């Protein structure tokens, strides 16, 4: 929940606390955050061989897409929103021109790698990811399901099923 940048240490600690190869569930409602935080969480999921399930309870945007994509099982609701956009890198520090130029070169290389990585993790053509990213687009839960990237869980259907089961028990 929330910005990955603010929560990466806590999330990483929980992922590191899960036994290697075990199951875990990530409930995601995040506007994104640091691309490096996202890559770190994605790598923990993969390197620790966690059988992770992602459930997008609200928003899964920007950098939050990489941990979502690294999960083996993905769920969305009809109300989920996933924002795909070109990566935005920023630095809060004062840097000299030479360092800024090197950073810009690094950014260009990393941006192209990250787009390909996301497409690979989601098992979709790079063109599909780029189409969602240009100029930046919210993709709905139903669209994600239609693209074969996740399964649908509808809270209203679950509520109706529970009400029906409760009625059956009372009779």
N, C-alpha and C. Protein backbone atom coordinates (compact mmCIF):
# COMPACT_ATOMS: atom_id res chain seq x y z
N UNK A 1 0.85 -1.17 0.00
CA UNK A 1 0.00 0.00 0.00
C UNK A 1 0.89 1.23 0.00
N UNK A 2 0.56 2.19 -0.81
CA UNK A 2 1.30 3.43 -0.83
C UNK A 2 2.50 3.40 -1.76
N UNK A 3 3.30 4.43 -1.65
CA UNK A 3 4.48 4.63 -2.48
C UNK A 3 5.54 3.57 -2.16
N UNK A 4 6.07 2.91 -3.18
CA UNK A 4 7.10 1.89 -2.97
C UNK A 4 8.33 2.47 -2.29
N UNK A 5 8.68 3.70 -2.64
CA UNK A 5 9.87 4.33 -2.07
C UNK A 5 9.78 4.40 -0.55
N UNK A 6 8.60 4.72 -0.06
CA UNK A 6 8.40 4.87 1.39
C UNK A 6 8.32 3.53 2.10
N UNK A 7 7.97 2.46 1.39
CA UNK A 7 7.69 1.17 2.03
C UNK A 7 8.64 0.05 1.63
N UNK A 8 9.64 0.33 0.80
CA UNK A 8 10.48 -0.75 0.26
C UNK A 8 11.19 -1.54 1.35
N UNK A 9 11.69 -0.90 2.39
CA UNK A 9 12.41 -1.63 3.44
C UNK A 9 11.48 -2.60 4.17
N UNK A 10 10.27 -2.15 4.48
CA UNK A 10 9.30 -3.01 5.17
C UNK A 10 8.87 -4.18 4.29
N UNK A 11 8.59 -3.90 3.01
CA UNK A 11 8.16 -4.96 2.10
C UNK A 11 9.30 -5.96 1.89
N UNK A 12 10.51 -5.44 1.68
CA UNK A 12 11.67 -6.32 1.47
C UNK A 12 11.89 -7.20 2.69
N UNK A 13 11.75 -6.63 3.88
CA UNK A 13 11.91 -7.40 5.11
C UNK A 13 10.91 -8.55 5.18
N UNK A 14 9.68 -8.28 4.79
CA UNK A 14 8.66 -9.33 4.81
C UNK A 14 8.95 -10.40 3.76
N UNK A 15 9.41 -9.99 2.58
CA UNK A 15 9.76 -10.97 1.54
C UNK A 15 10.96 -11.81 1.96
N UNK A 16 11.93 -11.18 2.61
CA UNK A 16 13.09 -11.92 3.09
C UNK A 16 12.73 -12.84 4.25
N UNK A 17 11.66 -12.52 4.98
CA UNK A 17 11.21 -13.36 6.09
C UNK A 17 10.43 -14.58 5.64
N UNK A 18 9.94 -14.56 4.42
CA UNK A 18 9.22 -15.73 3.89
C UNK A 18 10.24 -16.80 3.51
N UNK A 19 9.99 -18.04 3.87
CA UNK A 19 10.93 -19.10 3.50
C UNK A 19 11.13 -19.18 1.98
N UNK A 20 12.36 -19.45 1.58
CA UNK A 20 12.70 -19.59 0.16
C UNK A 20 11.71 -20.56 -0.51
N UNK A 21 11.16 -20.15 -1.63
CA UNK A 21 10.25 -21.00 -2.39
C UNK A 21 8.83 -21.08 -1.84
N UNK A 22 8.53 -20.33 -0.81
CA UNK A 22 7.19 -20.41 -0.20
C UNK A 22 6.19 -19.54 -0.93
N UNK A 23 4.95 -19.67 -0.52
CA UNK A 23 3.87 -18.86 -1.09
C UNK A 23 3.75 -17.56 -0.32
N UNK A 24 3.38 -16.51 -1.04
CA UNK A 24 3.07 -15.24 -0.37
C UNK A 24 2.06 -14.49 -1.24
N UNK A 25 1.38 -13.56 -0.63
CA UNK A 25 0.39 -12.75 -1.34
C UNK A 25 0.71 -11.29 -1.15
N UNK A 26 0.74 -10.54 -2.24
CA UNK A 26 0.94 -9.10 -2.20
C UNK A 26 -0.38 -8.44 -2.56
N UNK A 27 -0.93 -7.68 -1.63
CA UNK A 27 -2.12 -6.88 -1.91
C UNK A 27 -1.60 -5.52 -2.34
N UNK A 28 -1.91 -5.12 -3.57
CA UNK A 28 -1.31 -3.92 -4.14
C UNK A 28 -2.33 -2.80 -4.30
N UNK A 29 -1.99 -1.66 -3.72
CA UNK A 29 -2.68 -0.40 -3.95
C UNK A 29 -1.59 0.65 -3.89
N UNK A 30 -0.92 0.90 -5.02
CA UNK A 30 0.26 1.74 -5.02
C UNK A 30 0.33 2.61 -6.28
N UNK A 31 0.67 3.90 -6.08
CA UNK A 31 0.87 4.77 -7.23
C UNK A 31 2.25 4.59 -7.85
N UNK A 32 3.08 3.74 -7.28
CA UNK A 32 4.41 3.49 -7.82
C UNK A 32 5.48 3.97 -6.85
N UNK A 33 6.48 4.63 -7.39
CA UNK A 33 7.59 5.10 -6.57
C UNK A 33 8.89 4.94 -7.31
N UNK A 34 9.94 4.71 -6.57
CA UNK A 34 11.28 4.59 -7.15
C UNK A 34 11.38 3.36 -8.05
N UNK A 35 11.86 3.55 -9.28
CA UNK A 35 12.09 2.40 -10.14
C UNK A 35 13.09 1.42 -9.54
N UNK A 36 14.07 1.94 -8.80
CA UNK A 36 15.05 1.06 -8.17
C UNK A 36 14.41 0.23 -7.06
N UNK A 37 13.48 0.81 -6.31
CA UNK A 37 12.76 0.06 -5.28
C UNK A 37 11.95 -1.05 -5.95
N UNK A 38 11.30 -0.74 -7.06
CA UNK A 38 10.50 -1.72 -7.79
C UNK A 38 11.36 -2.88 -8.28
N UNK A 39 12.51 -2.55 -8.85
CA UNK A 39 13.43 -3.58 -9.36
C UNK A 39 13.93 -4.45 -8.20
N UNK A 40 14.21 -3.84 -7.08
CA UNK A 40 14.67 -4.59 -5.92
C UNK A 40 13.61 -5.59 -5.45
N UNK A 41 12.37 -5.14 -5.34
CA UNK A 41 11.29 -6.04 -4.91
C UNK A 41 11.05 -7.14 -5.94
N UNK A 42 11.07 -6.77 -7.22
CA UNK A 42 10.91 -7.75 -8.29
C UNK A 42 12.01 -8.83 -8.19
N UNK A 43 13.25 -8.37 -7.99
CA UNK A 43 14.36 -9.32 -7.87
C UNK A 43 14.22 -10.22 -6.66
N UNK A 44 13.77 -9.69 -5.53
CA UNK A 44 13.58 -10.53 -4.35
C UNK A 44 12.56 -11.63 -4.63
N UNK A 45 11.45 -11.27 -5.28
CA UNK A 45 10.43 -12.27 -5.60
C UNK A 45 11.00 -13.37 -6.49
N UNK A 46 11.79 -12.98 -7.48
CA UNK A 46 12.33 -13.95 -8.44
C UNK A 46 13.49 -14.74 -7.83
N UNK A 47 14.45 -14.05 -7.24
CA UNK A 47 15.64 -14.71 -6.72
C UNK A 47 15.34 -15.64 -5.55
N UNK A 48 14.30 -15.32 -4.78
CA UNK A 48 13.93 -16.17 -3.65
C UNK A 48 12.92 -17.23 -4.07
N UNK A 49 12.59 -17.26 -5.37
CA UNK A 49 11.68 -18.25 -5.93
C UNK A 49 10.36 -18.30 -5.16
N UNK A 50 9.86 -17.11 -4.80
CA UNK A 50 8.60 -17.05 -4.06
C UNK A 50 7.43 -17.29 -5.00
N UNK A 51 6.52 -18.13 -4.57
CA UNK A 51 5.30 -18.40 -5.33
C UNK A 51 4.31 -17.30 -4.96
N UNK A 52 4.54 -16.14 -5.57
CA UNK A 52 3.81 -14.93 -5.16
C UNK A 52 2.53 -14.74 -5.97
N UNK A 53 1.51 -14.31 -5.26
CA UNK A 53 0.23 -13.94 -5.86
C UNK A 53 0.05 -12.45 -5.63
N UNK A 54 -0.29 -11.71 -6.68
CA UNK A 54 -0.59 -10.29 -6.56
C UNK A 54 -2.09 -10.10 -6.69
N UNK A 55 -2.64 -9.29 -5.80
CA UNK A 55 -4.05 -8.92 -5.87
C UNK A 55 -4.11 -7.40 -5.87
N UNK A 56 -4.54 -6.82 -6.99
CA UNK A 56 -4.63 -5.37 -7.09
C UNK A 56 -5.97 -4.95 -6.49
N UNK A 57 -5.90 -4.39 -5.29
CA UNK A 57 -7.11 -3.99 -4.57
C UNK A 57 -7.57 -2.60 -4.97
N UNK A 58 -6.72 -1.85 -5.61
CA UNK A 58 -7.04 -0.49 -6.05
C UNK A 58 -6.21 -0.14 -7.27
N UNK A 59 -5.09 0.54 -7.01
CA UNK A 59 -4.21 1.01 -8.08
C UNK A 59 -2.90 0.23 -8.07
N UNK A 60 -2.40 -0.04 -9.25
CA UNK A 60 -1.07 -0.63 -9.42
C UNK A 60 -0.43 0.14 -10.57
N UNK A 61 0.28 1.18 -10.22
CA UNK A 61 0.75 2.10 -11.24
C UNK A 61 2.26 2.25 -11.24
N UNK A 62 2.74 2.64 -12.39
CA UNK A 62 4.12 3.05 -12.55
C UNK A 62 5.07 1.95 -12.07
N UNK A 63 5.94 2.26 -11.13
CA UNK A 63 6.94 1.30 -10.66
C UNK A 63 6.31 0.07 -10.00
N UNK A 64 5.09 0.18 -9.48
CA UNK A 64 4.44 -0.98 -8.83
C UNK A 64 4.16 -2.09 -9.84
N UNK A 65 4.22 -1.78 -11.13
CA UNK A 65 3.97 -2.80 -12.15
C UNK A 65 5.02 -3.91 -12.14
N UNK A 66 6.27 -3.59 -11.76
CA UNK A 66 7.32 -4.62 -11.82
C UNK A 66 7.13 -5.70 -10.76
N UNK A 67 6.87 -5.38 -9.49
CA UNK A 67 6.56 -6.47 -8.55
C UNK A 67 5.29 -7.23 -8.94
N UNK A 68 4.28 -6.52 -9.43
CA UNK A 68 3.05 -7.18 -9.92
C UNK A 68 3.40 -8.19 -11.01
N UNK A 69 4.21 -7.76 -11.97
CA UNK A 69 4.57 -8.63 -13.09
C UNK A 69 5.40 -9.82 -12.67
N UNK A 70 6.16 -9.69 -11.57
CA UNK A 70 7.01 -10.78 -11.10
C UNK A 70 6.23 -11.86 -10.37
N UNK A 71 4.97 -11.60 -10.06
CA UNK A 71 4.15 -12.59 -9.36
C UNK A 71 3.68 -13.68 -10.32
N UNK A 72 3.64 -14.90 -9.84
CA UNK A 72 3.22 -16.03 -10.69
C UNK A 72 1.72 -16.01 -10.96
N UNK A 73 0.94 -15.56 -9.99
CA UNK A 73 -0.51 -15.48 -10.14
C UNK A 73 -0.90 -14.03 -9.88
N UNK A 74 -1.77 -13.51 -10.74
CA UNK A 74 -2.19 -12.11 -10.61
C UNK A 74 -3.71 -12.03 -10.66
N UNK A 75 -4.26 -11.24 -9.74
CA UNK A 75 -5.69 -11.00 -9.68
C UNK A 75 -5.96 -9.50 -9.72
N UNK A 76 -7.04 -9.13 -10.38
CA UNK A 76 -7.51 -7.75 -10.41
C UNK A 76 -9.02 -7.77 -10.16
N UNK A 77 -9.57 -6.59 -9.85
CA UNK A 77 -11.02 -6.46 -9.72
C UNK A 77 -11.51 -5.61 -10.89
N UNK A 78 -12.82 -5.54 -11.08
CA UNK A 78 -13.34 -4.67 -12.14
C UNK A 78 -12.98 -3.20 -11.91
N UNK A 79 -12.57 -2.87 -10.68
CA UNK A 79 -12.29 -1.50 -10.31
C UNK A 79 -10.80 -1.20 -10.25
N UNK A 80 -9.97 -2.18 -10.51
CA UNK A 80 -8.52 -1.99 -10.50
C UNK A 80 -8.09 -1.10 -11.66
N UNK A 81 -7.03 -0.33 -11.41
CA UNK A 81 -6.45 0.52 -12.45
C UNK A 81 -4.94 0.35 -12.43
N UNK A 82 -4.37 0.15 -13.60
CA UNK A 82 -2.92 -0.02 -13.72
C UNK A 82 -2.41 1.03 -14.70
N UNK A 83 -1.58 1.96 -14.20
CA UNK A 83 -1.05 3.02 -15.04
C UNK A 83 0.29 2.62 -15.63
N UNK A 84 0.32 2.53 -16.94
CA UNK A 84 1.55 2.30 -17.68
C UNK A 84 2.00 3.65 -18.23
N UNK A 85 3.25 4.01 -18.01
CA UNK A 85 3.78 5.26 -18.58
C UNK A 85 5.29 5.12 -18.73
N UNK A 86 5.87 5.95 -19.59
CA UNK A 86 7.34 5.91 -19.69
C UNK A 86 7.95 6.23 -18.33
N UNK A 87 9.06 5.59 -18.03
CA UNK A 87 9.70 5.78 -16.73
C UNK A 87 10.11 7.22 -16.53
N UNK A 88 9.97 7.67 -15.31
CA UNK A 88 10.38 9.02 -14.93
C UNK A 88 11.47 8.88 -13.87
N UNK A 89 12.62 9.32 -14.21
CA UNK A 89 13.74 9.25 -13.29
C UNK A 89 14.07 10.65 -12.83
N UNK A 90 14.35 10.80 -11.56
CA UNK A 90 14.70 12.12 -11.06
C UNK A 90 15.75 11.99 -9.97
N UNK A 91 16.44 13.07 -9.76
CA UNK A 91 17.42 13.14 -8.70
C UNK A 91 17.17 14.40 -7.90
N UNK A 92 17.16 14.26 -6.60
CA UNK A 92 16.96 15.40 -5.71
C UNK A 92 18.29 16.06 -5.35
N UNK A 93 19.38 15.50 -5.87
CA UNK A 93 20.69 15.98 -5.48
C UNK A 93 21.25 16.96 -6.51
N UNK A 94 22.13 17.84 -6.04
CA UNK A 94 22.86 18.74 -6.93
C UNK A 94 24.01 17.96 -7.53
N UNK A 95 24.08 17.94 -8.85
CA UNK A 95 25.15 17.20 -9.52
C UNK A 95 25.83 18.11 -10.52
N UNK A 96 27.06 17.76 -10.81
CA UNK A 96 27.81 18.51 -11.81
C UNK A 96 27.41 18.03 -13.19
N UNK A 97 27.74 18.84 -14.19
CA UNK A 97 27.34 18.56 -15.57
C UNK A 97 27.81 17.18 -16.04
N UNK A 98 29.04 16.81 -15.76
CA UNK A 98 29.57 15.52 -16.21
C UNK A 98 28.77 14.36 -15.61
N UNK A 99 28.43 14.48 -14.33
CA UNK A 99 27.64 13.43 -13.68
C UNK A 99 26.23 13.39 -14.25
N UNK A 100 25.65 14.55 -14.51
CA UNK A 100 24.31 14.61 -15.10
C UNK A 100 24.30 13.97 -16.49
N UNK A 101 25.33 14.22 -17.26
CA UNK A 101 25.42 13.62 -18.60
C UNK A 101 25.52 12.10 -18.51
N UNK A 102 26.32 11.62 -17.57
CA UNK A 102 26.45 10.17 -17.37
C UNK A 102 25.13 9.57 -16.91
N UNK A 103 24.45 10.27 -16.02
CA UNK A 103 23.16 9.81 -15.52
C UNK A 103 22.15 9.72 -16.67
N UNK A 104 22.14 10.73 -17.56
CA UNK A 104 21.21 10.73 -18.70
C UNK A 104 21.48 9.54 -19.61
N UNK A 105 22.75 9.21 -19.83
CA UNK A 105 23.11 8.04 -20.65
C UNK A 105 22.61 6.76 -19.99
N UNK A 106 22.84 6.67 -18.69
CA UNK A 106 22.39 5.51 -17.92
C UNK A 106 20.86 5.39 -17.99
N UNK A 107 20.17 6.50 -17.82
CA UNK A 107 18.72 6.51 -17.86
C UNK A 107 18.19 5.99 -19.19
N UNK A 108 18.74 6.46 -20.30
CA UNK A 108 18.28 6.02 -21.63
C UNK A 108 18.45 4.52 -21.78
N UNK A 109 19.58 3.99 -21.33
CA UNK A 109 19.82 2.55 -21.42
C UNK A 109 18.85 1.78 -20.52
N UNK A 110 18.70 2.26 -19.29
CA UNK A 110 17.84 1.59 -18.33
C UNK A 110 16.38 1.61 -18.76
N UNK A 111 15.94 2.73 -19.30
CA UNK A 111 14.55 2.85 -19.73
C UNK A 111 14.21 1.79 -20.78
N UNK A 112 15.09 1.60 -21.76
CA UNK A 112 14.81 0.60 -22.78
C UNK A 112 14.84 -0.81 -22.19
N UNK A 113 15.74 -1.07 -21.24
CA UNK A 113 15.79 -2.38 -20.59
C UNK A 113 14.53 -2.64 -19.78
N UNK A 114 14.05 -1.63 -19.07
CA UNK A 114 12.89 -1.81 -18.19
C UNK A 114 11.63 -2.11 -18.98
N UNK A 115 11.45 -1.47 -20.12
CA UNK A 115 10.28 -1.76 -20.96
C UNK A 115 10.31 -3.22 -21.42
N UNK A 116 11.48 -3.67 -21.87
CA UNK A 116 11.61 -5.06 -22.32
C UNK A 116 11.42 -6.03 -21.16
N UNK A 117 11.95 -5.69 -19.99
CA UNK A 117 11.80 -6.54 -18.81
C UNK A 117 10.34 -6.69 -18.44
N UNK A 118 9.59 -5.59 -18.43
CA UNK A 118 8.17 -5.65 -18.09
C UNK A 118 7.41 -6.52 -19.09
N UNK A 119 7.69 -6.35 -20.36
CA UNK A 119 7.04 -7.18 -21.38
C UNK A 119 7.38 -8.66 -21.18
N UNK A 120 8.63 -8.95 -20.85
CA UNK A 120 9.03 -10.35 -20.63
C UNK A 120 8.34 -10.94 -19.41
N UNK A 121 8.28 -10.19 -18.31
CA UNK A 121 7.63 -10.70 -17.10
C UNK A 121 6.14 -10.93 -17.32
N UNK A 122 5.51 -10.05 -18.10
CA UNK A 122 4.08 -10.19 -18.36
C UNK A 122 3.77 -11.17 -19.50
N UNK A 123 4.80 -11.61 -20.20
CA UNK A 123 4.64 -12.52 -21.34
C UNK A 123 3.76 -11.91 -22.44
N UNK A 124 4.05 -10.64 -22.75
CA UNK A 124 3.35 -9.95 -23.84
C UNK A 124 4.39 -9.33 -24.75
N UNK A 125 4.03 -9.10 -26.00
CA UNK A 125 4.98 -8.43 -26.90
C UNK A 125 5.33 -7.03 -26.39
N UNK A 126 6.56 -6.63 -26.62
CA UNK A 126 7.02 -5.31 -26.22
C UNK A 126 6.11 -4.23 -26.80
N UNK A 127 5.62 -4.44 -28.00
CA UNK A 127 4.75 -3.46 -28.65
C UNK A 127 3.49 -3.19 -27.84
N UNK A 128 2.97 -4.22 -27.16
CA UNK A 128 1.78 -4.07 -26.33
C UNK A 128 2.07 -3.14 -25.15
N UNK A 129 3.19 -3.36 -24.48
CA UNK A 129 3.58 -2.52 -23.35
C UNK A 129 3.82 -1.09 -23.82
N UNK A 130 4.51 -0.93 -24.93
CA UNK A 130 4.79 0.41 -25.45
C UNK A 130 3.49 1.12 -25.83
N UNK A 131 2.54 0.39 -26.40
CA UNK A 131 1.25 1.00 -26.76
C UNK A 131 0.53 1.51 -25.51
N UNK A 132 0.63 0.78 -24.40
CA UNK A 132 0.01 1.23 -23.15
C UNK A 132 0.77 2.41 -22.55
N UNK A 133 2.08 2.47 -22.80
CA UNK A 133 2.91 3.51 -22.19
C UNK A 133 2.89 4.84 -22.94
N UNK A 134 2.55 4.82 -24.19
CA UNK A 134 2.62 6.05 -24.99
C UNK A 134 1.22 6.58 -25.22
N UNK A 135 0.83 7.65 -24.66
CA UNK A 135 1.60 8.59 -23.84
C UNK A 135 1.57 8.25 -22.36
N UNK A 136 0.92 7.22 -21.99
CA UNK A 136 0.71 6.84 -20.60
C UNK A 136 -0.78 6.61 -20.44
N UNK A 137 -1.15 5.43 -19.96
CA UNK A 137 -2.56 5.07 -19.98
C UNK A 137 -2.92 4.22 -18.78
N UNK A 138 -4.09 4.53 -18.19
CA UNK A 138 -4.65 3.64 -17.18
C UNK A 138 -5.32 2.48 -17.90
N UNK A 139 -4.92 1.29 -17.56
CA UNK A 139 -5.50 0.07 -18.11
C UNK A 139 -6.38 -0.51 -17.02
N UNK A 140 -7.62 -0.82 -17.34
CA UNK A 140 -8.57 -1.31 -16.34
C UNK A 140 -8.36 -2.78 -16.03
N UNK A 141 -8.90 -3.19 -14.90
CA UNK A 141 -8.85 -4.61 -14.53
C UNK A 141 -9.39 -5.51 -15.62
N UNK A 142 -10.60 -5.22 -16.16
CA UNK A 142 -11.11 -6.07 -17.23
C UNK A 142 -10.19 -6.12 -18.47
N UNK A 143 -9.53 -5.01 -18.79
CA UNK A 143 -8.60 -5.01 -19.93
C UNK A 143 -7.37 -5.89 -19.64
N UNK A 144 -6.91 -5.87 -18.39
CA UNK A 144 -5.77 -6.71 -18.00
C UNK A 144 -6.14 -8.18 -18.11
N UNK A 145 -7.37 -8.52 -17.70
CA UNK A 145 -7.85 -9.90 -17.81
C UNK A 145 -7.97 -10.28 -19.28
N UNK A 146 -8.55 -9.39 -20.09
CA UNK A 146 -8.71 -9.66 -21.52
C UNK A 146 -7.36 -9.90 -22.20
N UNK A 147 -6.31 -9.21 -21.72
CA UNK A 147 -4.97 -9.38 -22.28
C UNK A 147 -4.30 -10.66 -21.77
N UNK A 148 -4.96 -11.37 -20.85
CA UNK A 148 -4.43 -12.62 -20.32
C UNK A 148 -3.37 -12.43 -19.24
N UNK A 149 -3.31 -11.25 -18.61
CA UNK A 149 -2.27 -10.97 -17.63
C UNK A 149 -2.68 -11.25 -16.19
N UNK A 150 -3.98 -11.43 -15.96
CA UNK A 150 -4.48 -11.66 -14.61
C UNK A 150 -5.84 -12.33 -14.68
N UNK A 151 -6.29 -12.76 -13.52
CA UNK A 151 -7.64 -13.31 -13.37
C UNK A 151 -8.50 -12.26 -12.68
N UNK A 152 -9.80 -12.42 -12.81
CA UNK A 152 -10.74 -11.45 -12.24
C UNK A 152 -11.34 -11.99 -10.95
N UNK A 153 -11.40 -11.13 -9.95
CA UNK A 153 -12.16 -11.41 -8.74
C UNK A 153 -13.08 -10.20 -8.55
N UNK A 154 -14.37 -10.47 -8.47
CA UNK A 154 -15.35 -9.39 -8.37
C UNK A 154 -15.92 -9.38 -6.95
N UNK A 155 -15.62 -8.34 -6.17
CA UNK A 155 -16.12 -8.30 -4.79
C UNK A 155 -17.64 -8.36 -4.68
N UNK A 156 -18.35 -7.80 -5.67
CA UNK A 156 -19.82 -7.85 -5.61
C UNK A 156 -20.33 -9.27 -5.78
N UNK A 157 -19.68 -10.06 -6.62
CA UNK A 157 -20.06 -11.47 -6.78
C UNK A 157 -19.78 -12.22 -5.49
N UNK A 158 -18.64 -11.94 -4.86
CA UNK A 158 -18.31 -12.60 -3.59
C UNK A 158 -19.34 -12.26 -2.52
N UNK A 159 -19.74 -10.99 -2.45
CA UNK A 159 -20.76 -10.59 -1.48
C UNK A 159 -22.09 -11.29 -1.74
N UNK A 160 -22.49 -11.38 -3.00
CA UNK A 160 -23.74 -12.06 -3.35
C UNK A 160 -23.67 -13.54 -2.99
N UNK A 161 -22.52 -14.18 -3.24
CA UNK A 161 -22.34 -15.59 -2.90
C UNK A 161 -22.44 -15.79 -1.39
N UNK A 162 -21.83 -14.90 -0.63
CA UNK A 162 -21.88 -15.01 0.84
C UNK A 162 -23.30 -14.83 1.35
N UNK A 163 -24.03 -13.87 0.77
CA UNK A 163 -25.42 -13.64 1.18
C UNK A 163 -26.27 -14.85 0.86
N UNK A 164 -26.06 -15.43 -0.29
CA UNK A 164 -26.81 -16.63 -0.69
C UNK A 164 -26.51 -17.79 0.23
N UNK A 165 -25.23 -17.97 0.58
CA UNK A 165 -24.83 -19.06 1.49
C UNK A 165 -25.43 -18.84 2.87
N UNK A 166 -25.47 -17.59 3.32
CA UNK A 166 -26.06 -17.27 4.65
C UNK A 166 -27.55 -17.56 4.63
N UNK A 167 -28.23 -17.21 3.53
CA UNK A 167 -29.66 -17.50 3.41
C UNK A 167 -29.91 -19.00 3.44
N UNK A 168 -29.06 -19.77 2.77
CA UNK A 168 -29.22 -21.22 2.73
C UNK A 168 -29.06 -21.83 4.13
N UNK A 169 -28.13 -21.31 4.89
CA UNK A 169 -27.89 -21.83 6.24
C UNK A 169 -29.06 -21.53 7.16
N UNK A 170 -29.72 -20.39 6.97
CA UNK A 170 -30.85 -20.01 7.81
C UNK A 170 -32.09 -20.85 7.51
N UNK A 171 -32.19 -21.40 6.33
CA UNK A 171 -33.40 -22.16 5.94
C UNK A 171 -33.38 -23.55 6.44
